[in-house]
């Protein structure tokens, strides 16, 4: 467990409290930033940047006071001993690989920034993924009052389903599926079979049965 997936809607206040972030001597490199409640109050300008480097105490103060909703953003926690120039000399963390695939959808998760001891990914106001090379720091997040799941284990299960789905499409095509089902086939199968069911083993026969229902135009 090097990552935890949280269905939190882009809110970080309770996550940071449980992580004990107030005790960290760090700065936050924030990339791909887009958030609400980022105007009309003193000090809000830093949250209007797409990339920012913010002291830990400033970030925590603003989030405690405002609890802004982060639509998008990668938050890399980096010890203060590293100077700004060194932090910015490395490639910036990104949500997407060059092929357009989410970097959170990997069997093994690590912070992208080489100096970071933890990263938080807020994606599309829907999920938050917290990644750290030392998994012990993440265990407290299972105390949140929302859905939490081992991100690496979910990714492994999703990738198995994806591989089976791709094979079925190669062999049988899309049949009578409508345009929506064709675009979202893997996601429909995942949500119908395994979403919020981490204890349920991924089964090729089960996937094929669900696929064939969609192939016939059924929902």
N, C-alpha and C. Protein backbone atom coordinates (compact mmCIF):
# COMPACT_ATOMS: atom_id res chain seq x y z
N UNK A 1 0.84 -1.20 0.00
CA UNK A 1 0.00 0.00 0.00
C UNK A 1 0.87 1.24 0.00
N UNK A 2 1.10 1.82 -1.17
CA UNK A 2 1.82 3.08 -1.25
C UNK A 2 0.89 4.22 -1.65
N UNK A 3 -0.39 3.92 -1.81
CA UNK A 3 -1.35 4.95 -2.19
C UNK A 3 -2.73 4.60 -1.68
N UNK A 4 -3.50 5.63 -1.36
CA UNK A 4 -4.89 5.45 -0.93
C UNK A 4 -5.78 6.31 -1.82
N UNK A 5 -6.81 5.68 -2.36
CA UNK A 5 -7.82 6.37 -3.16
C UNK A 5 -8.95 6.80 -2.24
N UNK A 6 -9.33 8.06 -2.34
CA UNK A 6 -10.34 8.64 -1.46
C UNK A 6 -11.40 9.32 -2.31
N UNK A 7 -12.64 8.98 -2.09
CA UNK A 7 -13.73 9.65 -2.81
C UNK A 7 -14.19 10.82 -1.94
N UNK A 8 -13.51 11.95 -2.15
CA UNK A 8 -13.66 13.08 -1.24
C UNK A 8 -14.10 14.35 -1.95
N UNK A 9 -14.20 14.37 -3.25
CA UNK A 9 -14.70 15.55 -3.94
C UNK A 9 -13.78 16.74 -3.95
N UNK A 10 -12.46 16.53 -3.77
CA UNK A 10 -11.51 17.63 -3.89
C UNK A 10 -11.29 18.43 -2.63
N UNK A 11 -11.77 17.96 -1.48
CA UNK A 11 -11.57 18.68 -0.22
C UNK A 11 -10.43 18.01 0.57
N UNK A 12 -9.49 18.83 1.06
CA UNK A 12 -8.27 18.28 1.66
C UNK A 12 -8.14 18.53 3.16
N UNK A 13 -9.00 19.34 3.76
CA UNK A 13 -8.78 19.73 5.15
C UNK A 13 -8.69 18.54 6.09
N UNK A 14 -9.66 17.64 6.04
CA UNK A 14 -9.65 16.51 6.95
C UNK A 14 -8.52 15.53 6.61
N UNK A 15 -8.17 15.42 5.34
CA UNK A 15 -7.05 14.56 4.94
C UNK A 15 -5.76 15.07 5.58
N UNK A 16 -5.52 16.36 5.49
CA UNK A 16 -4.29 16.93 6.05
C UNK A 16 -4.27 16.84 7.56
N UNK A 17 -5.42 16.97 8.20
CA UNK A 17 -5.48 16.82 9.65
C UNK A 17 -5.08 15.40 10.06
N UNK A 18 -5.65 14.40 9.40
CA UNK A 18 -5.35 13.02 9.76
C UNK A 18 -3.91 12.65 9.46
N UNK A 19 -3.33 13.23 8.42
CA UNK A 19 -1.94 12.96 8.11
C UNK A 19 -0.98 13.58 9.13
N UNK A 20 -1.48 14.52 9.91
CA UNK A 20 -0.62 15.22 10.86
C UNK A 20 0.30 16.22 10.18
N UNK A 21 -0.20 16.85 9.11
CA UNK A 21 0.64 17.74 8.30
C UNK A 21 1.13 18.96 9.06
N UNK A 22 0.46 19.35 10.13
CA UNK A 22 0.89 20.54 10.87
C UNK A 22 2.27 20.35 11.50
N UNK A 23 2.72 19.11 11.64
CA UNK A 23 4.03 18.84 12.22
C UNK A 23 5.15 18.77 11.18
N UNK A 24 4.81 18.91 9.91
CA UNK A 24 5.80 18.73 8.85
C UNK A 24 6.57 20.03 8.61
N UNK A 25 7.85 19.90 8.39
CA UNK A 25 8.70 21.03 8.03
C UNK A 25 8.94 20.96 6.52
N UNK A 26 7.98 21.48 5.77
CA UNK A 26 8.01 21.29 4.32
C UNK A 26 7.41 22.49 3.60
N UNK A 27 7.59 22.47 2.30
CA UNK A 27 6.86 23.34 1.39
C UNK A 27 6.08 22.47 0.43
N UNK A 28 5.06 23.06 -0.17
CA UNK A 28 4.23 22.33 -1.11
C UNK A 28 4.42 22.88 -2.52
N UNK A 29 4.91 22.03 -3.40
CA UNK A 29 4.91 22.35 -4.82
C UNK A 29 3.55 21.91 -5.36
N UNK A 30 2.81 22.84 -5.93
CA UNK A 30 1.47 22.54 -6.43
C UNK A 30 1.45 22.78 -7.93
N UNK A 31 1.06 21.77 -8.69
CA UNK A 31 1.03 21.86 -10.14
C UNK A 31 -0.35 21.48 -10.65
N UNK A 32 -0.68 22.00 -11.84
CA UNK A 32 -1.99 21.71 -12.43
C UNK A 32 -3.14 22.20 -11.58
N UNK A 33 -2.97 23.33 -10.91
CA UNK A 33 -3.92 23.78 -9.90
C UNK A 33 -5.15 24.44 -10.51
N UNK A 34 -6.29 24.00 -10.04
CA UNK A 34 -7.57 24.65 -10.33
C UNK A 34 -8.47 24.45 -9.12
N UNK A 35 -8.93 25.55 -8.52
CA UNK A 35 -9.75 25.39 -7.33
C UNK A 35 -10.82 26.48 -7.27
N UNK A 36 -11.85 26.20 -6.47
CA UNK A 36 -12.91 27.17 -6.19
C UNK A 36 -12.55 27.96 -4.94
N UNK A 37 -13.30 29.02 -4.66
CA UNK A 37 -13.09 29.90 -3.51
C UNK A 37 -11.68 30.49 -3.51
N UNK A 38 -11.14 30.80 -4.71
CA UNK A 38 -9.76 31.30 -4.81
C UNK A 38 -9.72 32.78 -5.13
N UNK A 39 -10.71 33.54 -4.71
CA UNK A 39 -10.70 34.98 -4.95
C UNK A 39 -11.51 35.69 -3.87
N UNK A 40 -11.22 36.98 -3.70
CA UNK A 40 -12.01 37.82 -2.81
C UNK A 40 -11.60 37.80 -1.36
N UNK A 41 -10.41 37.29 -1.04
CA UNK A 41 -9.96 37.30 0.35
C UNK A 41 -8.44 37.50 0.38
N UNK A 42 -7.89 38.08 1.46
CA UNK A 42 -6.46 38.39 1.53
C UNK A 42 -5.60 37.13 1.36
N UNK A 43 -4.63 37.22 0.46
CA UNK A 43 -3.73 36.09 0.24
C UNK A 43 -4.21 35.07 -0.76
N UNK A 44 -5.35 35.34 -1.39
CA UNK A 44 -5.92 34.35 -2.31
C UNK A 44 -5.15 34.24 -3.62
N UNK A 45 -4.29 35.22 -3.89
CA UNK A 45 -3.63 35.25 -5.21
C UNK A 45 -2.82 34.00 -5.49
N UNK A 46 -2.22 33.43 -4.46
CA UNK A 46 -1.37 32.25 -4.70
C UNK A 46 -2.17 31.06 -5.20
N UNK A 47 -3.47 31.02 -4.92
CA UNK A 47 -4.31 29.90 -5.35
C UNK A 47 -4.85 30.11 -6.76
N UNK A 48 -4.52 31.24 -7.36
CA UNK A 48 -4.94 31.49 -8.74
C UNK A 48 -3.86 31.12 -9.75
N UNK A 49 -2.72 30.62 -9.27
CA UNK A 49 -1.64 30.20 -10.16
C UNK A 49 -1.82 28.73 -10.54
N UNK A 50 -1.33 28.37 -11.71
CA UNK A 50 -1.38 26.96 -12.10
C UNK A 50 -0.28 26.17 -11.41
N UNK A 51 0.85 26.84 -11.13
CA UNK A 51 1.96 26.23 -10.40
C UNK A 51 2.37 27.17 -9.28
N UNK A 52 2.57 26.61 -8.08
CA UNK A 52 2.92 27.45 -6.93
C UNK A 52 3.81 26.65 -5.98
N UNK A 53 4.62 27.37 -5.19
CA UNK A 53 5.42 26.78 -4.14
C UNK A 53 5.05 27.51 -2.85
N UNK A 54 4.38 26.79 -1.94
CA UNK A 54 3.74 27.43 -0.80
C UNK A 54 4.25 26.81 0.50
N UNK A 55 4.64 27.64 1.48
CA UNK A 55 5.05 27.11 2.79
C UNK A 55 3.91 26.31 3.43
N UNK A 56 4.29 25.30 4.18
CA UNK A 56 3.30 24.42 4.79
C UNK A 56 2.32 25.19 5.66
N UNK A 57 2.83 26.12 6.47
CA UNK A 57 1.94 26.84 7.38
C UNK A 57 0.94 27.70 6.62
N UNK A 58 1.34 28.26 5.48
CA UNK A 58 0.41 29.07 4.69
C UNK A 58 -0.67 28.20 4.06
N UNK A 59 -0.26 27.06 3.52
CA UNK A 59 -1.24 26.16 2.92
C UNK A 59 -2.25 25.68 3.95
N UNK A 60 -1.76 25.25 5.11
CA UNK A 60 -2.67 24.74 6.14
C UNK A 60 -3.58 25.84 6.66
N UNK A 61 -3.06 27.04 6.84
CA UNK A 61 -3.89 28.15 7.33
C UNK A 61 -5.04 28.43 6.37
N UNK A 62 -4.75 28.50 5.08
CA UNK A 62 -5.80 28.81 4.11
C UNK A 62 -6.82 27.68 4.00
N UNK A 63 -6.35 26.45 4.00
CA UNK A 63 -7.28 25.32 3.87
C UNK A 63 -8.12 25.17 5.13
N UNK A 64 -7.52 25.41 6.30
CA UNK A 64 -8.31 25.36 7.53
C UNK A 64 -9.39 26.44 7.53
N UNK A 65 -9.04 27.62 7.04
CA UNK A 65 -9.98 28.75 7.08
C UNK A 65 -11.04 28.65 5.99
N UNK A 66 -10.66 28.16 4.82
CA UNK A 66 -11.55 28.24 3.65
C UNK A 66 -12.07 26.88 3.20
N UNK A 67 -11.30 25.80 3.46
CA UNK A 67 -11.61 24.46 2.97
C UNK A 67 -12.01 24.50 1.50
N UNK A 68 -11.13 25.09 0.69
CA UNK A 68 -11.40 25.22 -0.74
C UNK A 68 -11.58 23.86 -1.39
N UNK A 69 -12.36 23.84 -2.45
CA UNK A 69 -12.50 22.61 -3.24
C UNK A 69 -11.49 22.65 -4.38
N UNK A 70 -10.63 21.66 -4.42
CA UNK A 70 -9.61 21.58 -5.46
C UNK A 70 -10.12 20.69 -6.58
N UNK A 71 -10.43 21.33 -7.70
CA UNK A 71 -10.91 20.59 -8.87
C UNK A 71 -9.77 19.72 -9.41
N UNK A 72 -8.63 20.34 -9.62
CA UNK A 72 -7.42 19.65 -10.04
C UNK A 72 -6.25 20.18 -9.24
N UNK A 73 -5.27 19.35 -9.03
CA UNK A 73 -4.05 19.80 -8.37
C UNK A 73 -3.22 18.63 -7.89
N UNK A 74 -1.90 18.73 -8.08
CA UNK A 74 -0.96 17.77 -7.52
C UNK A 74 -0.15 18.51 -6.47
N UNK A 75 -0.21 18.03 -5.24
CA UNK A 75 0.43 18.67 -4.10
C UNK A 75 1.61 17.80 -3.67
N UNK A 76 2.83 18.29 -3.89
CA UNK A 76 4.04 17.55 -3.55
C UNK A 76 4.65 18.15 -2.29
N UNK A 77 4.72 17.36 -1.21
CA UNK A 77 5.29 17.82 0.05
C UNK A 77 6.80 17.58 0.02
N UNK A 78 7.58 18.68 0.10
CA UNK A 78 9.02 18.63 -0.08
C UNK A 78 9.69 19.28 1.13
N UNK A 79 10.65 18.60 1.77
CA UNK A 79 11.32 19.18 2.95
C UNK A 79 11.92 20.55 2.64
N UNK A 80 11.87 21.43 3.65
CA UNK A 80 12.33 22.81 3.45
C UNK A 80 13.83 22.90 3.20
N UNK A 81 14.58 21.85 3.49
CA UNK A 81 16.04 21.93 3.27
C UNK A 81 16.40 22.05 1.79
N UNK A 82 15.45 21.73 0.92
CA UNK A 82 15.74 21.84 -0.51
C UNK A 82 15.41 23.25 -0.99
N UNK A 83 16.35 23.94 -1.62
CA UNK A 83 16.09 25.31 -2.09
C UNK A 83 15.12 25.30 -3.27
N UNK A 84 14.50 26.45 -3.46
CA UNK A 84 13.52 26.61 -4.54
C UNK A 84 14.12 26.22 -5.90
N UNK A 85 15.37 26.64 -6.14
CA UNK A 85 15.99 26.36 -7.43
C UNK A 85 16.10 24.87 -7.69
N UNK A 86 16.45 24.11 -6.66
CA UNK A 86 16.57 22.66 -6.83
C UNK A 86 15.20 22.02 -7.05
N UNK A 87 14.21 22.48 -6.33
CA UNK A 87 12.86 21.92 -6.49
C UNK A 87 12.37 22.12 -7.92
N UNK A 88 12.57 23.33 -8.44
CA UNK A 88 12.05 23.66 -9.77
C UNK A 88 12.92 23.14 -10.90
N UNK A 89 14.09 22.61 -10.56
CA UNK A 89 14.96 22.08 -11.61
C UNK A 89 14.52 20.71 -12.11
N UNK A 90 13.63 20.07 -11.39
CA UNK A 90 13.15 18.74 -11.78
C UNK A 90 11.88 18.86 -12.63
N UNK A 91 11.59 17.85 -13.44
CA UNK A 91 10.32 17.86 -14.19
C UNK A 91 9.13 18.01 -13.24
N UNK A 92 8.17 18.81 -13.64
CA UNK A 92 6.99 19.02 -12.82
C UNK A 92 6.05 17.81 -12.86
N UNK A 93 5.49 17.44 -11.73
CA UNK A 93 4.50 16.35 -11.74
C UNK A 93 3.34 16.68 -12.67
N UNK A 94 2.78 15.65 -13.26
CA UNK A 94 1.69 15.81 -14.22
C UNK A 94 0.68 14.69 -13.98
N UNK A 95 -0.57 14.95 -14.35
CA UNK A 95 -1.60 13.94 -14.21
C UNK A 95 -1.49 12.84 -15.27
N UNK A 96 -0.92 13.17 -16.41
CA UNK A 96 -1.03 12.27 -17.56
C UNK A 96 0.32 11.84 -18.10
N UNK A 97 0.40 10.57 -18.51
CA UNK A 97 1.55 10.12 -19.28
C UNK A 97 1.44 10.67 -20.70
N UNK A 98 2.48 10.47 -21.49
CA UNK A 98 2.48 10.98 -22.86
C UNK A 98 1.39 10.35 -23.72
N UNK A 99 0.93 9.16 -23.33
CA UNK A 99 -0.14 8.50 -24.09
C UNK A 99 -1.53 8.88 -23.59
N UNK A 100 -1.60 9.87 -22.67
CA UNK A 100 -2.89 10.32 -22.17
C UNK A 100 -3.45 9.49 -21.04
N UNK A 101 -2.67 8.57 -20.51
CA UNK A 101 -3.12 7.69 -19.43
C UNK A 101 -2.81 8.32 -18.07
N UNK A 102 -3.72 8.15 -17.12
CA UNK A 102 -3.51 8.72 -15.79
C UNK A 102 -2.30 8.10 -15.12
N UNK A 103 -1.47 8.94 -14.53
CA UNK A 103 -0.31 8.45 -13.81
C UNK A 103 -0.68 7.85 -12.45
N UNK A 104 -1.92 8.02 -12.04
CA UNK A 104 -2.39 7.36 -10.82
C UNK A 104 -2.87 5.93 -11.10
N UNK A 105 -2.93 5.55 -12.37
CA UNK A 105 -3.41 4.23 -12.74
C UNK A 105 -2.22 3.32 -13.05
N UNK A 106 -1.44 3.05 -12.01
CA UNK A 106 -0.27 2.20 -12.13
C UNK A 106 -0.29 1.15 -11.03
N UNK A 107 0.34 0.01 -11.30
CA UNK A 107 0.40 -1.04 -10.28
C UNK A 107 1.24 -0.60 -9.08
N UNK A 108 2.29 0.19 -9.34
CA UNK A 108 3.16 0.65 -8.27
C UNK A 108 3.20 2.18 -8.31
N UNK A 109 2.87 2.78 -7.17
CA UNK A 109 2.75 4.23 -7.09
C UNK A 109 3.86 4.81 -6.23
N UNK A 110 4.46 5.88 -6.72
CA UNK A 110 5.44 6.65 -5.98
C UNK A 110 5.24 8.13 -6.31
N UNK A 111 5.64 9.05 -5.42
CA UNK A 111 5.59 10.47 -5.79
C UNK A 111 6.38 10.72 -7.06
N UNK A 112 5.85 11.57 -7.93
CA UNK A 112 6.55 11.89 -9.16
C UNK A 112 7.78 12.76 -8.91
N UNK A 113 7.62 13.73 -8.03
CA UNK A 113 8.76 14.62 -7.78
C UNK A 113 9.78 13.88 -6.92
N UNK A 114 11.04 13.83 -7.34
CA UNK A 114 12.04 13.02 -6.63
C UNK A 114 12.36 13.51 -5.22
N UNK A 115 12.02 14.75 -4.89
CA UNK A 115 12.31 15.29 -3.56
C UNK A 115 11.11 15.18 -2.61
N UNK A 116 9.98 14.76 -3.11
CA UNK A 116 8.74 14.73 -2.31
C UNK A 116 8.67 13.48 -1.44
N UNK A 117 8.19 13.65 -0.20
CA UNK A 117 7.96 12.49 0.66
C UNK A 117 6.48 12.07 0.65
N UNK A 118 5.65 12.87 -0.03
CA UNK A 118 4.23 12.55 -0.15
C UNK A 118 3.65 13.41 -1.26
N UNK A 119 2.69 12.85 -1.99
CA UNK A 119 1.95 13.63 -3.00
C UNK A 119 0.46 13.36 -2.87
N UNK A 120 -0.30 14.43 -3.11
CA UNK A 120 -1.76 14.35 -3.10
C UNK A 120 -2.25 14.77 -4.48
N UNK A 121 -3.08 13.93 -5.08
CA UNK A 121 -3.65 14.21 -6.39
C UNK A 121 -5.15 14.42 -6.23
N UNK A 122 -5.62 15.59 -6.58
CA UNK A 122 -7.06 15.85 -6.63
C UNK A 122 -7.47 15.89 -8.09
N UNK A 123 -8.37 14.98 -8.46
CA UNK A 123 -8.71 14.79 -9.87
C UNK A 123 -10.19 15.08 -10.12
N UNK A 124 -10.44 16.12 -10.89
CA UNK A 124 -11.77 16.41 -11.42
C UNK A 124 -12.85 16.49 -10.34
N UNK A 125 -12.50 17.03 -9.19
CA UNK A 125 -13.46 17.21 -8.08
C UNK A 125 -14.12 15.92 -7.64
N UNK A 126 -13.54 14.78 -7.94
CA UNK A 126 -14.20 13.51 -7.63
C UNK A 126 -13.38 12.64 -6.70
N UNK A 127 -12.10 12.44 -7.00
CA UNK A 127 -11.28 11.56 -6.17
C UNK A 127 -9.99 12.27 -5.76
N UNK A 128 -9.46 11.82 -4.64
CA UNK A 128 -8.16 12.26 -4.15
C UNK A 128 -7.32 11.00 -3.94
N UNK A 129 -6.11 10.99 -4.50
CA UNK A 129 -5.18 9.90 -4.28
C UNK A 129 -3.98 10.44 -3.53
N UNK A 130 -3.64 9.78 -2.42
CA UNK A 130 -2.50 10.19 -1.60
C UNK A 130 -1.44 9.10 -1.73
N UNK A 131 -0.22 9.49 -2.09
CA UNK A 131 0.86 8.55 -2.39
C UNK A 131 2.07 8.89 -1.54
N UNK A 132 2.68 7.86 -0.95
CA UNK A 132 3.89 8.05 -0.16
C UNK A 132 4.73 6.78 -0.23
N UNK A 133 6.06 6.91 -0.32
CA UNK A 133 6.89 5.71 -0.35
C UNK A 133 6.88 4.94 0.96
N UNK A 134 6.56 5.62 2.07
CA UNK A 134 6.43 4.97 3.37
C UNK A 134 4.95 4.84 3.70
N UNK A 135 4.35 3.66 3.49
CA UNK A 135 2.89 3.54 3.61
C UNK A 135 2.34 3.79 5.01
N UNK A 136 3.19 3.70 6.03
CA UNK A 136 2.68 3.91 7.39
C UNK A 136 2.05 5.28 7.56
N UNK A 137 2.55 6.26 6.83
CA UNK A 137 2.04 7.63 6.97
C UNK A 137 0.59 7.73 6.48
N UNK A 138 0.15 6.76 5.68
CA UNK A 138 -1.17 6.83 5.06
C UNK A 138 -2.26 6.13 5.86
N UNK A 139 -1.90 5.30 6.81
CA UNK A 139 -2.90 4.43 7.45
C UNK A 139 -4.01 5.21 8.14
N UNK A 140 -3.69 6.37 8.68
CA UNK A 140 -4.71 7.16 9.38
C UNK A 140 -5.85 7.57 8.47
N UNK A 141 -5.62 7.59 7.15
CA UNK A 141 -6.65 8.05 6.22
C UNK A 141 -7.82 7.09 6.11
N UNK A 142 -7.64 5.87 6.56
CA UNK A 142 -8.77 4.95 6.58
C UNK A 142 -9.81 5.36 7.64
N UNK A 143 -9.47 6.36 8.44
CA UNK A 143 -10.43 6.88 9.41
C UNK A 143 -11.36 7.94 8.85
N UNK A 144 -11.22 8.29 7.57
CA UNK A 144 -12.11 9.27 6.96
C UNK A 144 -13.53 8.73 6.86
N UNK A 145 -14.51 9.64 6.88
CA UNK A 145 -15.91 9.24 6.81
C UNK A 145 -16.40 9.18 5.36
N UNK A 146 -15.57 8.62 4.47
CA UNK A 146 -15.94 8.48 3.07
C UNK A 146 -15.23 7.24 2.54
N UNK A 147 -15.51 6.88 1.30
CA UNK A 147 -14.93 5.66 0.75
C UNK A 147 -13.41 5.82 0.57
N UNK A 148 -12.66 4.88 1.14
CA UNK A 148 -11.21 4.82 0.97
C UNK A 148 -10.83 3.42 0.54
N UNK A 149 -9.75 3.32 -0.26
CA UNK A 149 -9.35 2.03 -0.80
C UNK A 149 -7.87 2.05 -1.15
N UNK A 150 -7.22 0.91 -1.00
CA UNK A 150 -5.83 0.77 -1.41
C UNK A 150 -5.74 1.03 -2.92
N UNK A 151 -5.07 2.11 -3.30
CA UNK A 151 -5.06 2.52 -4.71
C UNK A 151 -4.30 1.54 -5.59
N UNK A 152 -3.19 1.00 -5.10
CA UNK A 152 -2.43 0.05 -5.91
C UNK A 152 -3.22 -1.22 -6.16
N UNK A 153 -3.89 -1.71 -5.13
CA UNK A 153 -4.67 -2.94 -5.31
C UNK A 153 -5.83 -2.70 -6.26
N UNK A 154 -6.50 -1.56 -6.15
CA UNK A 154 -7.57 -1.27 -7.10
C UNK A 154 -7.02 -1.17 -8.51
N UNK A 155 -5.87 -0.54 -8.69
CA UNK A 155 -5.29 -0.42 -10.02
C UNK A 155 -4.97 -1.78 -10.62
N UNK A 156 -4.42 -2.68 -9.81
CA UNK A 156 -4.11 -4.02 -10.32
C UNK A 156 -5.37 -4.72 -10.80
N UNK A 157 -6.43 -4.59 -10.05
CA UNK A 157 -7.69 -5.24 -10.41
C UNK A 157 -8.29 -4.58 -11.67
N UNK A 158 -8.24 -3.26 -11.72
CA UNK A 158 -8.76 -2.55 -12.89
C UNK A 158 -7.98 -2.92 -14.14
N UNK A 159 -6.67 -3.03 -14.04
CA UNK A 159 -5.84 -3.35 -15.20
C UNK A 159 -6.11 -4.76 -15.72
N UNK A 160 -6.44 -5.69 -14.82
CA UNK A 160 -6.85 -7.03 -15.27
C UNK A 160 -8.14 -6.94 -16.06
N UNK A 161 -9.13 -6.23 -15.51
CA UNK A 161 -10.40 -6.05 -16.24
C UNK A 161 -10.17 -5.37 -17.58
N UNK A 162 -9.33 -4.36 -17.61
CA UNK A 162 -9.06 -3.64 -18.85
C UNK A 162 -8.46 -4.57 -19.90
N UNK A 163 -7.52 -5.41 -19.49
CA UNK A 163 -6.89 -6.32 -20.45
C UNK A 163 -7.90 -7.33 -21.00
N UNK A 164 -8.77 -7.84 -20.16
CA UNK A 164 -9.79 -8.77 -20.62
C UNK A 164 -10.75 -8.07 -21.58
N UNK A 165 -11.14 -6.85 -21.24
CA UNK A 165 -12.05 -6.09 -22.09
C UNK A 165 -11.44 -5.83 -23.46
N UNK A 166 -10.19 -5.44 -23.49
CA UNK A 166 -9.52 -5.18 -24.77
C UNK A 166 -9.46 -6.45 -25.63
N UNK A 167 -9.22 -7.59 -25.00
CA UNK A 167 -9.20 -8.85 -25.75
C UNK A 167 -10.58 -9.16 -26.33
N UNK A 168 -11.63 -8.96 -25.55
CA UNK A 168 -12.98 -9.25 -26.02
C UNK A 168 -13.36 -8.34 -27.19
N UNK A 169 -12.96 -7.07 -27.12
CA UNK A 169 -13.26 -6.14 -28.22
C UNK A 169 -12.51 -6.55 -29.48
N UNK A 170 -11.27 -6.97 -29.32
CA UNK A 170 -10.52 -7.43 -30.49
C UNK A 170 -11.18 -8.64 -31.14
N UNK A 171 -11.69 -9.53 -30.32
CA UNK A 171 -12.26 -10.77 -30.83
C UNK A 171 -13.68 -10.60 -31.35
N UNK A 172 -14.49 -9.76 -30.70
CA UNK A 172 -15.92 -9.68 -31.01
C UNK A 172 -16.40 -8.31 -31.45
N UNK A 173 -15.60 -7.30 -31.22
CA UNK A 173 -16.05 -5.95 -31.55
C UNK A 173 -17.02 -5.41 -30.52
N UNK A 174 -17.81 -4.41 -30.93
CA UNK A 174 -18.73 -3.74 -30.03
C UNK A 174 -20.18 -4.16 -30.20
N UNK A 175 -20.47 -4.97 -31.20
CA UNK A 175 -21.83 -5.45 -31.38
C UNK A 175 -22.84 -4.32 -31.48
N UNK A 176 -23.91 -4.42 -30.69
CA UNK A 176 -25.00 -3.45 -30.74
C UNK A 176 -24.86 -2.35 -29.69
N UNK A 177 -23.68 -2.17 -29.14
CA UNK A 177 -23.48 -1.11 -28.15
C UNK A 177 -23.70 0.26 -28.77
N UNK A 178 -24.30 1.17 -27.99
CA UNK A 178 -24.44 2.54 -28.48
C UNK A 178 -23.12 3.28 -28.31
N UNK A 179 -23.08 4.53 -28.78
CA UNK A 179 -21.84 5.30 -28.77
C UNK A 179 -21.31 5.50 -27.35
N UNK A 180 -22.22 5.73 -26.40
CA UNK A 180 -21.79 5.93 -25.02
C UNK A 180 -21.12 4.68 -24.47
N UNK A 181 -21.72 3.53 -24.69
CA UNK A 181 -21.15 2.28 -24.18
C UNK A 181 -19.80 1.99 -24.83
N UNK A 182 -19.67 2.30 -26.09
CA UNK A 182 -18.38 2.06 -26.76
C UNK A 182 -17.28 2.93 -26.17
N UNK A 183 -17.61 4.20 -25.91
CA UNK A 183 -16.61 5.12 -25.36
C UNK A 183 -16.23 4.76 -23.93
N UNK A 184 -17.17 4.22 -23.19
CA UNK A 184 -16.99 4.04 -21.75
C UNK A 184 -17.07 2.57 -21.33
N UNK A 185 -16.75 1.67 -22.23
CA UNK A 185 -16.96 0.25 -21.97
C UNK A 185 -16.23 -0.23 -20.72
N UNK A 186 -14.95 0.06 -20.61
CA UNK A 186 -14.20 -0.44 -19.46
C UNK A 186 -14.77 0.12 -18.16
N UNK A 187 -15.10 1.42 -18.16
CA UNK A 187 -15.67 2.03 -16.96
C UNK A 187 -17.02 1.45 -16.60
N UNK A 188 -17.86 1.16 -17.59
CA UNK A 188 -19.17 0.56 -17.32
C UNK A 188 -19.02 -0.83 -16.71
N UNK A 189 -18.10 -1.61 -17.24
CA UNK A 189 -17.88 -2.94 -16.69
C UNK A 189 -17.32 -2.86 -15.28
N UNK A 190 -16.40 -1.95 -15.05
CA UNK A 190 -15.83 -1.80 -13.71
C UNK A 190 -16.90 -1.40 -12.70
N UNK A 191 -17.69 -0.40 -13.03
CA UNK A 191 -18.69 0.07 -12.08
C UNK A 191 -19.77 -0.99 -11.85
N UNK A 192 -20.09 -1.73 -12.89
CA UNK A 192 -21.12 -2.75 -12.74
C UNK A 192 -20.68 -3.97 -11.95
N UNK A 193 -19.38 -4.25 -11.97
CA UNK A 193 -18.89 -5.49 -11.36
C UNK A 193 -18.08 -5.29 -10.08
N UNK A 194 -17.20 -4.29 -10.05
CA UNK A 194 -16.19 -4.27 -8.98
C UNK A 194 -16.04 -2.96 -8.24
N UNK A 195 -16.74 -1.91 -8.67
CA UNK A 195 -16.63 -0.62 -7.98
C UNK A 195 -17.13 -0.76 -6.55
N UNK A 196 -16.30 -0.34 -5.58
CA UNK A 196 -16.62 -0.44 -4.15
C UNK A 196 -16.78 -1.89 -3.70
N UNK A 197 -16.11 -2.81 -4.38
CA UNK A 197 -16.17 -4.22 -3.98
C UNK A 197 -14.73 -4.78 -3.96
N UNK A 198 -13.86 -4.24 -3.13
CA UNK A 198 -12.46 -4.66 -3.16
C UNK A 198 -12.24 -6.11 -2.78
N UNK A 199 -13.21 -6.70 -2.08
CA UNK A 199 -13.06 -8.09 -1.66
C UNK A 199 -13.47 -9.08 -2.74
N UNK A 200 -14.08 -8.57 -3.82
CA UNK A 200 -14.63 -9.42 -4.87
C UNK A 200 -13.53 -9.74 -5.89
N UNK A 201 -13.20 -11.02 -6.10
CA UNK A 201 -12.11 -11.33 -7.05
C UNK A 201 -12.51 -11.02 -8.49
N UNK A 202 -11.57 -10.49 -9.25
CA UNK A 202 -11.81 -10.20 -10.66
C UNK A 202 -11.83 -11.53 -11.42
N UNK A 203 -12.90 -11.76 -12.16
CA UNK A 203 -13.13 -13.05 -12.82
C UNK A 203 -13.35 -12.82 -14.31
N UNK A 204 -12.57 -13.49 -15.15
CA UNK A 204 -12.67 -13.31 -16.59
C UNK A 204 -14.04 -13.70 -17.12
N UNK A 205 -14.59 -14.79 -16.60
CA UNK A 205 -15.91 -15.25 -17.08
C UNK A 205 -16.99 -14.24 -16.73
N UNK A 206 -16.88 -13.65 -15.55
CA UNK A 206 -17.85 -12.64 -15.11
C UNK A 206 -17.78 -11.40 -16.01
N UNK A 207 -16.58 -10.99 -16.34
CA UNK A 207 -16.40 -9.84 -17.23
C UNK A 207 -16.99 -10.13 -18.60
N UNK A 208 -16.74 -11.33 -19.12
CA UNK A 208 -17.24 -11.68 -20.44
C UNK A 208 -18.77 -11.70 -20.46
N UNK A 209 -19.39 -12.21 -19.40
CA UNK A 209 -20.85 -12.24 -19.33
C UNK A 209 -21.43 -10.82 -19.36
N UNK A 210 -20.84 -9.93 -18.58
CA UNK A 210 -21.32 -8.54 -18.56
C UNK A 210 -21.06 -7.85 -19.90
N UNK A 211 -19.91 -8.13 -20.49
CA UNK A 211 -19.59 -7.56 -21.81
C UNK A 211 -20.61 -8.01 -22.86
N UNK A 212 -20.98 -9.28 -22.84
CA UNK A 212 -21.91 -9.80 -23.84
C UNK A 212 -23.30 -9.17 -23.72
N UNK A 213 -23.70 -8.83 -22.48
CA UNK A 213 -24.98 -8.12 -22.32
C UNK A 213 -24.92 -6.78 -23.03
N UNK A 214 -23.82 -6.05 -22.84
CA UNK A 214 -23.66 -4.78 -23.54
C UNK A 214 -23.53 -4.99 -25.05
N UNK A 215 -22.83 -6.02 -25.46
CA UNK A 215 -22.63 -6.34 -26.87
C UNK A 215 -23.97 -6.55 -27.57
N UNK A 216 -24.95 -7.08 -26.83
CA UNK A 216 -26.29 -7.31 -27.39
C UNK A 216 -27.15 -6.07 -27.32
N UNK A 217 -26.63 -4.99 -26.78
CA UNK A 217 -27.39 -3.74 -26.68
C UNK A 217 -28.17 -3.61 -25.40
N UNK A 218 -27.95 -4.51 -24.44
CA UNK A 218 -28.65 -4.45 -23.17
C UNK A 218 -27.89 -3.57 -22.20
N UNK A 219 -28.57 -3.09 -21.16
CA UNK A 219 -27.93 -2.30 -20.10
C UNK A 219 -28.29 -2.90 -18.75
